[in-house]
Amino acid sequence: WVDLPREHKMTEPKYQALLKGDMGKVVLENNEG
């Protein structure tokens, strides 16, 4: 559960479906991960 700032507590509800392929990717050097 992530809190909303006081001024956004009553914001319009919304839904984000974030798929694996959408994520930002950082490939670490030397095959570390």
Full PDB file with SEQRES, HELIX, SHEET, SSBOND, CRYST1, ORIGX, SCALE, CONECT and MASTER records, all heavy atoms in Angstrom:
SEQRES   1 A   33  TRP VAL ASP LEU PRO ARG GLU HIS LYS MET THR GLU PRO          
SEQRES   2 A   33  LYS TYR GLN ALA LEU LEU LYS GLY ASP MET GLY LYS VAL          
SEQRES   3 A   33  VAL LEU GLU ASN ASN GLU GLY                                  
HELIX    1 AA1 ARG A    6  HIS A    8  5                                   3    
HELIX    2 AA2 LYS A   20  ASP A   22  5                                   3    
HELIX    3 AA3 GLU A   29  ASN A   31  5                                   3    
CRYST1    1.000    1.000    1.000  90.00  90.00  90.00 P 1           1          
ORIGX1      1.000000  0.000000  0.000000        0.00000                         
ORIGX2      0.000000  1.000000  0.000000        0.00000                         
ORIGX3      0.000000  0.000000  1.000000        0.00000                         
SCALE1      1.000000  0.000000  0.000000        0.00000                         
SCALE2      0.000000  1.000000  0.000000        0.00000                         
SCALE3      0.000000  0.000000  1.000000        0.00000                         
ATOM      1  N   TRP A   1       0.867  -1.168   0.000  1.00  0.00           N  
ATOM      2  CA  TRP A   1       0.000   0.000   0.000  1.00  0.00           C  
ATOM      3  C   TRP A   1       0.909   1.225   0.000  1.00  0.00           C  
ATOM      4  O   TRP A   1       1.816   1.337   0.845  1.00  0.00           O  
ATOM      5  CB  TRP A   1      -0.891   0.036   1.244  1.00  0.00           C  
ATOM      6  CG  TRP A   1      -1.993  -0.982   1.238  1.00  0.00           C  
ATOM      7  CD1 TRP A   1      -2.132  -2.041   0.399  1.00  0.00           C  
ATOM      8  CD2 TRP A   1      -3.095  -1.041   2.151  1.00  0.00           C  
ATOM      9  NE1 TRP A   1      -3.264  -2.757   0.721  1.00  0.00           N  
ATOM     10  CE2 TRP A   1      -3.876  -2.162   1.787  1.00  0.00           C  
ATOM     11  CE3 TRP A   1      -3.484  -0.255   3.235  1.00  0.00           C  
ATOM     12  CZ2 TRP A   1      -5.032  -2.518   2.486  1.00  0.00           C  
ATOM     13  CZ3 TRP A   1      -4.644  -0.603   3.939  1.00  0.00           C  
ATOM     14  CH2 TRP A   1      -5.402  -1.714   3.558  1.00  0.00           C  
ATOM     15  N   VAL A   2       0.673   2.122  -0.944  1.00  0.00           N  
ATOM     16  CA  VAL A   2       1.482   3.338  -1.084  1.00  0.00           C  
ATOM     17  C   VAL A   2       0.581   4.541  -0.803  1.00  0.00           C  
ATOM     18  O   VAL A   2      -0.473   4.697  -1.415  1.00  0.00           O  
ATOM     19  CB  VAL A   2       2.081   3.438  -2.502  1.00  0.00           C  
ATOM     20  CG1 VAL A   2       2.882   4.723  -2.656  1.00  0.00           C  
ATOM     21  CG2 VAL A   2       2.962   2.221  -2.800  1.00  0.00           C  
ATOM     22  N   ASP A   3       1.007   5.379   0.118  1.00  0.00           N  
ATOM     23  CA  ASP A   3       0.198   6.529   0.509  1.00  0.00           C  
ATOM     24  C   ASP A   3       0.139   7.564  -0.604  1.00  0.00           C  
ATOM     25  O   ASP A   3       1.073   7.700  -1.405  1.00  0.00           O  
ATOM     26  CB  ASP A   3       0.785   7.159   1.772  1.00  0.00           C  
ATOM     27  CG  ASP A   3      -0.244   7.923   2.591  1.00  0.00           C  
ATOM     28  OD1 ASP A   3      -1.435   7.891   2.236  1.00  0.00           O  
ATOM     29  OD2 ASP A   3       0.147   8.543   3.599  1.00  0.00           O  
ATOM     30  N   LEU A   4      -0.965   8.293  -0.634  1.00  0.00           N  
ATOM     31  CA  LEU A   4      -1.121   9.430  -1.542  1.00  0.00           C  
ATOM     32  C   LEU A   4      -0.903  10.728  -0.764  1.00  0.00           C  
ATOM     33  O   LEU A   4      -1.321  10.837   0.396  1.00  0.00           O  
ATOM     34  CB  LEU A   4      -2.523   9.444  -2.147  1.00  0.00           C  
ATOM     35  CG  LEU A   4      -2.811   8.412  -3.238  1.00  0.00           C  
ATOM     36  CD1 LEU A   4      -4.309   8.360  -3.529  1.00  0.00           C  
ATOM     37  CD2 LEU A   4      -2.042   8.726  -4.511  1.00  0.00           C  
ATOM     38  N   PRO A   5      -0.262  11.720  -1.386  1.00  0.00           N  
ATOM     39  CA  PRO A   5      -0.154  13.025  -0.728  1.00  0.00           C  
ATOM     40  C   PRO A   5      -1.537  13.567  -0.373  1.00  0.00           C  
ATOM     41  O   PRO A   5      -2.518  13.319  -1.087  1.00  0.00           O  
ATOM     42  CB  PRO A   5       0.517  13.903  -1.795  1.00  0.00           C  
ATOM     43  CG  PRO A   5       1.233  12.940  -2.687  1.00  0.00           C  
ATOM     44  CD  PRO A   5       0.379  11.703  -2.710  1.00  0.00           C  
ATOM     45  N   ARG A   6      -1.613  14.302   0.712  1.00  0.00           N  
ATOM     46  CA  ARG A   6      -2.889  14.820   1.205  1.00  0.00           C  
ATOM     47  C   ARG A   6      -3.730  15.453   0.094  1.00  0.00           C  
ATOM     48  O   ARG A   6      -4.934  15.223  -0.010  1.00  0.00           O  
ATOM     49  CB  ARG A   6      -2.624  15.859   2.309  1.00  0.00           C  
ATOM     50  CG  ARG A   6      -3.851  16.330   3.053  1.00  0.00           C  
ATOM     51  CD  ARG A   6      -3.559  17.622   3.821  1.00  0.00           C  
ATOM     52  NE  ARG A   6      -2.407  17.503   4.688  1.00  0.00           N  
ATOM     53  CZ  ARG A   6      -2.468  17.322   6.000  1.00  0.00           C  
ATOM     54  NH1 ARG A   6      -3.632  17.206   6.598  1.00  0.00           N  
ATOM     55  NH2 ARG A   6      -1.356  17.255   6.710  1.00  0.00           N  
ATOM     56  N   GLU A   7      -3.072  16.229  -0.776  1.00  0.00           N  
ATOM     57  CA  GLU A   7      -3.820  16.951  -1.815  1.00  0.00           C  
ATOM     58  C   GLU A   7      -4.337  16.035  -2.924  1.00  0.00           C  
ATOM     59  O   GLU A   7      -5.146  16.463  -3.755  1.00  0.00           O  
ATOM     60  CB  GLU A   7      -2.957  18.065  -2.418  1.00  0.00           C  
ATOM     61  CG  GLU A   7      -1.701  17.587  -3.135  1.00  0.00           C  
ATOM     62  CD  GLU A   7      -0.483  17.482  -2.241  1.00  0.00           C  
ATOM     63  OE1 GLU A   7      -0.645  17.347  -1.005  1.00  0.00           O  
ATOM     64  OE2 GLU A   7       0.644  17.536  -2.783  1.00  0.00           O  
ATOM     65  N   HIS A   8      -3.865  14.774  -2.942  1.00  0.00           N  
ATOM     66  CA  HIS A   8      -4.320  13.835  -3.967  1.00  0.00           C  
ATOM     67  C   HIS A   8      -5.140  12.679  -3.401  1.00  0.00           C  
ATOM     68  O   HIS A   8      -5.450  11.732  -4.126  1.00  0.00           O  
ATOM     69  CB  HIS A   8      -3.122  13.267  -4.735  1.00  0.00           C  
ATOM     70  CG  HIS A   8      -2.363  14.285  -5.527  1.00  0.00           C  
ATOM     71  ND1 HIS A   8      -2.928  14.982  -6.577  1.00  0.00           N  
ATOM     72  CD2 HIS A   8      -1.086  14.733  -5.417  1.00  0.00           C  
ATOM     73  CE1 HIS A   8      -2.026  15.816  -7.084  1.00  0.00           C  
ATOM     74  NE2 HIS A   8      -0.908  15.691  -6.398  1.00  0.00           N  
ATOM     75  N   LYS A   9      -5.485  12.749  -2.121  1.00  0.00           N  
ATOM     76  CA  LYS A   9      -6.235  11.663  -1.498  1.00  0.00           C  
ATOM     77  C   LYS A   9      -7.547  11.361  -2.224  1.00  0.00           C  
ATOM     78  O   LYS A   9      -7.973  10.210  -2.294  1.00  0.00           O  
ATOM     79  CB  LYS A   9      -6.550  12.008  -0.029  1.00  0.00           C  
ATOM     80  CG  LYS A   9      -5.359  11.938   0.899  1.00  0.00           C  
ATOM     81  CD  LYS A   9      -5.041  10.502   1.265  1.00  0.00           C  
ATOM     82  CE  LYS A   9      -3.928  10.405   2.281  1.00  0.00           C  
ATOM     83  NZ  LYS A   9      -3.627   9.000   2.626  1.00  0.00           N  
ATOM     84  N   MET A  10      -8.172  12.397  -2.763  1.00  0.00           N  
ATOM     85  CA  MET A  10      -9.475  12.221  -3.405  1.00  0.00           C  
ATOM     86  C   MET A  10      -9.373  12.310  -4.929  1.00  0.00           C  
ATOM     87  O   MET A  10     -10.334  12.665  -5.612  1.00  0.00           O  
ATOM     88  CB  MET A  10     -10.460  13.253  -2.855  1.00  0.00           C  
ATOM     89  CG  MET A  10     -10.730  13.106  -1.366  1.00  0.00           C  
ATOM     90  SD  MET A  10     -11.576  11.544  -0.948  1.00  0.00           S  
ATOM     91  CE  MET A  10     -13.235  11.944  -1.534  1.00  0.00           C  
ATOM     92  N   THR A  11      -8.224  11.953  -5.454  1.00  0.00           N  
ATOM     93  CA  THR A  11      -8.051  11.962  -6.906  1.00  0.00           C  
ATOM     94  C   THR A  11      -8.924  10.899  -7.566  1.00  0.00           C  
ATOM     95  O   THR A  11      -9.389   9.954  -6.921  1.00  0.00           O  
ATOM     96  CB  THR A  11      -6.561  11.729  -7.256  1.00  0.00           C  
ATOM     97  OG1 THR A  11      -6.348  12.039  -8.634  1.00  0.00           O  
ATOM     98  CG2 THR A  11      -6.158  10.276  -7.021  1.00  0.00           C  
ATOM     99  N   GLU A  12      -9.125  11.038  -8.855  1.00  0.00           N  
ATOM    100  CA  GLU A  12      -9.918  10.070  -9.611  1.00  0.00           C  
ATOM    101  C   GLU A  12      -9.194   8.719  -9.622  1.00  0.00           C  
ATOM    102  O   GLU A  12      -7.997   8.642  -9.905  1.00  0.00           O  
ATOM    103  CB  GLU A  12     -10.104  10.561 -11.056  1.00  0.00           C  
ATOM    104  CG  GLU A  12     -11.012   9.708 -11.909  1.00  0.00           C  
ATOM    105  CD  GLU A  12     -12.477   9.848 -11.555  1.00  0.00           C  
ATOM    106  OE1 GLU A  12     -12.839  10.782 -10.813  1.00  0.00           O  
ATOM    107  OE2 GLU A  12     -13.269   9.022 -12.039  1.00  0.00           O  
ATOM    108  N   PRO A  13      -9.894   7.627  -9.307  1.00  0.00           N  
ATOM    109  CA  PRO A  13      -9.251   6.307  -9.333  1.00  0.00           C  
ATOM    110  C   PRO A  13      -8.742   5.952 -10.726  1.00  0.00           C  
ATOM    111  O   PRO A  13      -9.297   6.388 -11.741  1.00  0.00           O  
ATOM    112  CB  PRO A  13     -10.374   5.356  -8.912  1.00  0.00           C  
ATOM    113  CG  PRO A  13     -11.316   6.209  -8.128  1.00  0.00           C  
ATOM    114  CD  PRO A  13     -11.279   7.550  -8.801  1.00  0.00           C  
ATOM    115  N   LYS A  14      -7.681   5.143 -10.758  1.00  0.00           N  
ATOM    116  CA  LYS A  14      -7.161   4.663 -12.042  1.00  0.00           C  
ATOM    117  C   LYS A  14      -6.443   3.330 -11.846  1.00  0.00           C  
ATOM    118  O   LYS A  14      -6.151   2.922 -10.722  1.00  0.00           O  
ATOM    119  CB  LYS A  14      -6.249   5.688 -12.699  1.00  0.00           C  
ATOM    120  CG  LYS A  14      -4.918   5.906 -12.019  1.00  0.00           C  
ATOM    121  CD  LYS A  14      -4.039   6.862 -12.843  1.00  0.00           C  
ATOM    122  CE  LYS A  14      -2.674   7.061 -12.197  1.00  0.00           C  
ATOM    123  NZ  LYS A  14      -1.794   7.937 -13.020  1.00  0.00           N  
ATOM    124  N   TYR A  15      -6.140   2.687 -12.967  1.00  0.00           N  
ATOM    125  CA  TYR A  15      -5.527   1.357 -12.950  1.00  0.00           C  
ATOM    126  C   TYR A  15      -4.380   1.327 -13.950  1.00  0.00           C  
ATOM    127  O   TYR A  15      -4.540   1.744 -15.096  1.00  0.00           O  
ATOM    128  CB  TYR A  15      -6.582   0.319 -13.339  1.00  0.00           C  
ATOM    129  CG  TYR A  15      -6.065  -1.092 -13.524  1.00  0.00           C  
ATOM    130  CD1 TYR A  15      -5.743  -1.891 -12.430  1.00  0.00           C  
ATOM    131  CD2 TYR A  15      -5.927  -1.639 -14.795  1.00  0.00           C  
ATOM    132  CE1 TYR A  15      -5.290  -3.188 -12.597  1.00  0.00           C  
ATOM    133  CE2 TYR A  15      -5.474  -2.942 -14.976  1.00  0.00           C  
ATOM    134  CZ  TYR A  15      -5.160  -3.710 -13.877  1.00  0.00           C  
ATOM    135  OH  TYR A  15      -4.704  -4.989 -14.039  1.00  0.00           O  
ATOM    136  N   GLN A  16      -3.219   0.852 -13.492  1.00  0.00           N  
ATOM    137  CA  GLN A  16      -2.068   0.685 -14.379  1.00  0.00           C  
ATOM    138  C   GLN A  16      -1.670  -0.801 -14.386  1.00  0.00           C  
ATOM    139  O   GLN A  16      -1.327  -1.351 -13.343  1.00  0.00           O  
ATOM    140  CB  GLN A  16      -0.872   1.509 -13.893  1.00  0.00           C  
ATOM    141  CG  GLN A  16      -1.108   3.006 -13.830  1.00  0.00           C  
ATOM    142  CD  GLN A  16       0.103   3.735 -13.268  1.00  0.00           C  
ATOM    143  OE1 GLN A  16       1.133   3.866 -13.929  1.00  0.00           O  
ATOM    144  NE2 GLN A  16      -0.007   4.220 -12.036  1.00  0.00           N  
ATOM    145  N   ALA A  17      -1.724  -1.415 -15.557  1.00  0.00           N  
ATOM    146  CA  ALA A  17      -1.221  -2.778 -15.741  1.00  0.00           C  
ATOM    147  C   ALA A  17       0.141  -2.653 -16.406  1.00  0.00           C  
ATOM    148  O   ALA A  17       0.246  -2.271 -17.569  1.00  0.00           O  
ATOM    149  CB  ALA A  17      -2.171  -3.602 -16.600  1.00  0.00           C  
ATOM    150  N   LEU A  18       1.197  -2.933 -15.662  1.00  0.00           N  
ATOM    151  CA  LEU A  18       2.561  -2.751 -16.147  1.00  0.00           C  
ATOM    152  C   LEU A  18       3.162  -4.125 -16.409  1.00  0.00           C  
ATOM    153  O   LEU A  18       3.400  -4.889 -15.470  1.00  0.00           O  
ATOM    154  CB  LEU A  18       3.380  -1.979 -15.114  1.00  0.00           C  
ATOM    155  CG  LEU A  18       2.748  -0.665 -14.640  1.00  0.00           C  
ATOM    156  CD1 LEU A  18       3.527  -0.072 -13.484  1.00  0.00           C  
ATOM    157  CD2 LEU A  18       2.651   0.328 -15.788  1.00  0.00           C  
ATOM    158  N   LEU A  19       3.375  -4.442 -17.667  1.00  0.00           N  
ATOM    159  CA  LEU A  19       3.828  -5.779 -18.032  1.00  0.00           C  
ATOM    160  C   LEU A  19       5.346  -5.865 -18.042  1.00  0.00           C  
ATOM    161  O   LEU A  19       6.053  -4.854 -18.139  1.00  0.00           O  
ATOM    162  CB  LEU A  19       3.258  -6.159 -19.389  1.00  0.00           C  
ATOM    163  CG  LEU A  19       1.725  -6.106 -19.495  1.00  0.00           C  
ATOM    164  CD1 LEU A  19       1.259  -6.574 -20.862  1.00  0.00           C  
ATOM    165  CD2 LEU A  19       1.066  -6.922 -18.387  1.00  0.00           C  
ATOM    166  N   LYS A  20       5.837  -7.078 -17.930  1.00  0.00           N  
ATOM    167  CA  LYS A  20       7.274  -7.328 -17.828  1.00  0.00           C  
ATOM    168  C   LYS A  20       8.058  -6.606 -18.915  1.00  0.00           C  
ATOM    169  O   LYS A  20       9.103  -6.013 -18.663  1.00  0.00           O  
ATOM    170  CB  LYS A  20       7.520  -8.840 -17.895  1.00  0.00           C  
ATOM    171  CG  LYS A  20       8.968  -9.255 -17.742  1.00  0.00           C  
ATOM    172  CD  LYS A  20       9.091 -10.782 -17.756  1.00  0.00           C  
ATOM    173  CE  LYS A  20      10.547 -11.218 -17.588  1.00  0.00           C  
ATOM    174  NZ  LYS A  20      10.673 -12.697 -17.573  1.00  0.00           N  
ATOM    175  N   GLY A  21       7.518  -6.634 -20.146  1.00  0.00           N  
ATOM    176  CA  GLY A  21       8.208  -6.005 -21.265  1.00  0.00           C  
ATOM    177  C   GLY A  21       8.215  -4.494 -21.214  1.00  0.00           C  
ATOM    178  O   GLY A  21       8.982  -3.850 -21.938  1.00  0.00           O  
ATOM    179  N   ASP A  22       7.364  -3.900 -20.349  1.00  0.00           N  
ATOM    180  CA  ASP A  22       7.302  -2.439 -20.216  1.00  0.00           C  
ATOM    181  C   ASP A  22       8.371  -1.882 -19.298  1.00  0.00           C  
ATOM    182  O   ASP A  22       8.650  -0.681 -19.309  1.00  0.00           O  
ATOM    183  CB  ASP A  22       5.939  -2.013 -19.649  1.00  0.00           C  
ATOM    184  CG  ASP A  22       4.770  -2.426 -20.518  1.00  0.00           C  
ATOM    185  OD1 ASP A  22       4.954  -2.531 -21.748  1.00  0.00           O  
ATOM    186  OD2 ASP A  22       3.667  -2.649 -19.969  1.00  0.00           O  
ATOM    187  N   MET A  23       8.943  -2.747 -18.457  1.00  0.00           N  
ATOM    188  CA  MET A  23       9.827  -2.264 -17.396  1.00  0.00           C  
ATOM    189  C   MET A  23      11.149  -1.746 -17.961  1.00  0.00           C  
ATOM    190  O   MET A  23      11.672  -2.258 -18.944  1.00  0.00           O  
ATOM    191  CB  MET A  23      10.111  -3.390 -16.389  1.00  0.00           C  
ATOM    192  CG  MET A  23       8.881  -4.056 -15.811  1.00  0.00           C  
ATOM    193  SD  MET A  23       7.708  -2.889 -15.077  1.00  0.00           S  
ATOM    194  CE  MET A  23       6.382  -4.018 -14.603  1.00  0.00           C  
ATOM    195  N   GLY A  24      11.693  -0.731 -17.279  1.00  0.00           N  
ATOM    196  CA  GLY A  24      13.032  -0.292 -17.628  1.00  0.00           C  
ATOM    197  C   GLY A  24      14.033  -1.384 -17.289  1.00  0.00           C  
ATOM    198  O   GLY A  24      13.854  -2.118 -16.310  1.00  0.00           O  
ATOM    199  N   LYS A  25      15.095  -1.519 -18.080  1.00  0.00           N  
ATOM    200  CA  LYS A  25      16.081  -2.589 -17.877  1.00  0.00           C  
ATOM    201  C   LYS A  25      17.483  -1.993 -17.736  1.00  0.00           C  
ATOM    202  O   LYS A  25      17.915  -1.195 -18.571  1.00  0.00           O  
ATOM    203  CB  LYS A  25      16.093  -3.560 -19.054  1.00  0.00           C  
ATOM    204  CG  LYS A  25      14.742  -4.183 -19.400  1.00  0.00           C  
ATOM    205  CD  LYS A  25      14.322  -5.229 -18.399  1.00  0.00           C  
ATOM    206  CE  LYS A  25      13.016  -5.891 -18.858  1.00  0.00           C  
ATOM    207  NZ  LYS A  25      12.448  -6.773 -17.825  1.00  0.00           N  
ATOM    208  N   VAL A  26      18.175  -2.418 -16.693  1.00  0.00           N  
ATOM    209  CA  VAL A  26      19.590  -2.085 -16.518  1.00  0.00           C  
ATOM    210  C   VAL A  26      20.348  -3.405 -16.484  1.00  0.00           C  
ATOM    211  O   VAL A  26      20.131  -4.227 -15.594  1.00  0.00           O  
ATOM    212  CB  VAL A  26      19.845  -1.318 -15.205  1.00  0.00           C  
ATOM    213  CG1 VAL A  26      21.340  -1.035 -15.036  1.00  0.00           C  
ATOM    214  CG2 VAL A  26      19.040  -0.021 -15.168  1.00  0.00           C  
ATOM    215  N   VAL A  27      21.211  -3.633 -17.475  1.00  0.00           N  
ATOM    216  CA  VAL A  27      22.025  -4.853 -17.503  1.00  0.00           C  
ATOM    217  C   VAL A  27      23.355  -4.540 -16.833  1.00  0.00           C  
ATOM    218  O   VAL A  27      24.087  -3.638 -17.262  1.00  0.00           O  
ATOM    219  CB  VAL A  27      22.235  -5.351 -18.944  1.00  0.00           C  
ATOM    220  CG1 VAL A  27      23.135  -6.588 -18.965  1.00  0.00           C  
ATOM    221  CG2 VAL A  27      20.880  -5.669 -19.594  1.00  0.00           C  
ATOM    222  N   LEU A  28      23.655  -5.271 -15.779  1.00  0.00           N  
ATOM    223  CA  LEU A  28      24.889  -5.037 -15.036  1.00  0.00           C  
ATOM    224  C   LEU A  28      26.087  -5.615 -15.786  1.00  0.00           C  
ATOM    225  O   LEU A  28      25.954  -6.591 -16.532  1.00  0.00           O  
ATOM    226  CB  LEU A  28      24.791  -5.652 -13.641  1.00  0.00           C  
ATOM    227  CG  LEU A  28      23.619  -5.138 -12.784  1.00  0.00           C  
ATOM    228  CD1 LEU A  28      23.572  -5.876 -11.460  1.00  0.00           C  
ATOM    229  CD2 LEU A  28      23.738  -3.628 -12.557  1.00  0.00           C  
ATOM    230  N   GLU A  29      27.237  -5.031 -15.577  1.00  0.00           N  
ATOM    231  CA  GLU A  29      28.451  -5.464 -16.277  1.00  0.00           C  
ATOM    232  C   GLU A  29      28.901  -6.855 -15.833  1.00  0.00           C  
ATOM    233  O   GLU A  29      28.560  -7.325 -14.747  1.00  0.00           O  
ATOM    234  CB  GLU A  29      29.576  -4.458 -16.027  1.00  0.00           C  
ATOM    235  CG  GLU A  29      29.312  -3.075 -16.620  1.00  0.00           C  
ATOM    236  CD  GLU A  29      30.448  -2.111 -16.344  1.00  0.00           C  
ATOM    237  OE1 GLU A  29      31.379  -2.492 -15.607  1.00  0.00           O  
ATOM    238  OE2 GLU A  29      30.400  -0.977 -16.869  1.00  0.00           O  
ATOM    239  N   ASN A  30      29.670  -7.492 -16.701  1.00  0.00           N  
ATOM    240  CA  ASN A  30      30.316  -8.776 -16.406  1.00  0.00           C  
ATOM    241  C   ASN A  30      29.319  -9.865 -16.021  1.00  0.00           C  
ATOM    242  O   ASN A  30      29.603 -10.730 -15.182  1.00  0.00           O  
ATOM    243  CB  ASN A  30      31.346  -8.612 -15.279  1.00  0.00           C  
ATOM    244  CG  ASN A  30      32.397  -7.567 -15.620  1.00  0.00           C  
ATOM    245  OD1 ASN A  30      32.895  -7.524 -16.747  1.00  0.00           O  
ATOM    246  ND2 ASN A  30      32.716  -6.715 -14.663  1.00  0.00           N  
ATOM    247  N   ASN A  31      28.109  -9.817 -16.620  1.00  0.00           N  
ATOM    248  CA  ASN A  31      27.084 -10.838 -16.377  1.00  0.00           C  
ATOM    249  C   ASN A  31      26.732 -10.961 -14.894  1.00  0.00           C  
ATOM    250  O   ASN A  31      26.427 -12.053 -14.396  1.00  0.00           O  
ATOM    251  CB  ASN A  31      27.546 -12.200 -16.916  1.00  0.00           C  
ATOM    252  CG  ASN A  31      26.405 -13.204 -17.010  1.00  0.00           C  
ATOM    253  OD1 ASN A  31      25.274 -12.846 -17.336  1.00  0.00           O  
ATOM    254  ND2 ASN A  31      26.688 -14.465 -16.695  1.00  0.00           N  
ATOM    255  N   GLU A  32      26.786  -9.836 -14.186  1.00  0.00           N  
ATOM    256  CA  GLU A  32      26.505  -9.891 -12.747  1.00  0.00           C  
ATOM    257  C   GLU A  32      25.017  -9.879 -12.437  1.00  0.00           C  
ATOM    258  O   GLU A  32      24.617 -10.283 -11.341  1.00  0.00           O  
ATOM    259  CB  GLU A  32      27.208  -8.739 -12.036  1.00  0.00           C  
ATOM    260  CG  GLU A  32      28.724  -8.887 -12.055  1.00  0.00           C  
ATOM    261  CD  GLU A  32      29.428  -7.978 -11.079  1.00  0.00           C  
ATOM    262  OE1 GLU A  32      29.565  -6.787 -11.401  1.00  0.00           O  
ATOM    263  OE2 GLU A  32      29.823  -8.460 -10.005  1.00  0.00           O  
ATOM    264  N   GLY A  33      24.185  -9.450 -13.396  1.00  0.00           N  
ATOM    265  CA  GLY A  33      22.759  -9.468 -13.144  1.00  0.00           C  
ATOM    266  C   GLY A  33      22.020  -8.387 -13.902  1.00  0.00           C  
ATOM    267  O   GLY A  33      22.521  -7.841 -14.894  1.00  0.00           O  
TER     268      GLY A  33                                                      
MASTER        0    0    0    3    0    0    0    6  267    1    0    3          
END                                                                             
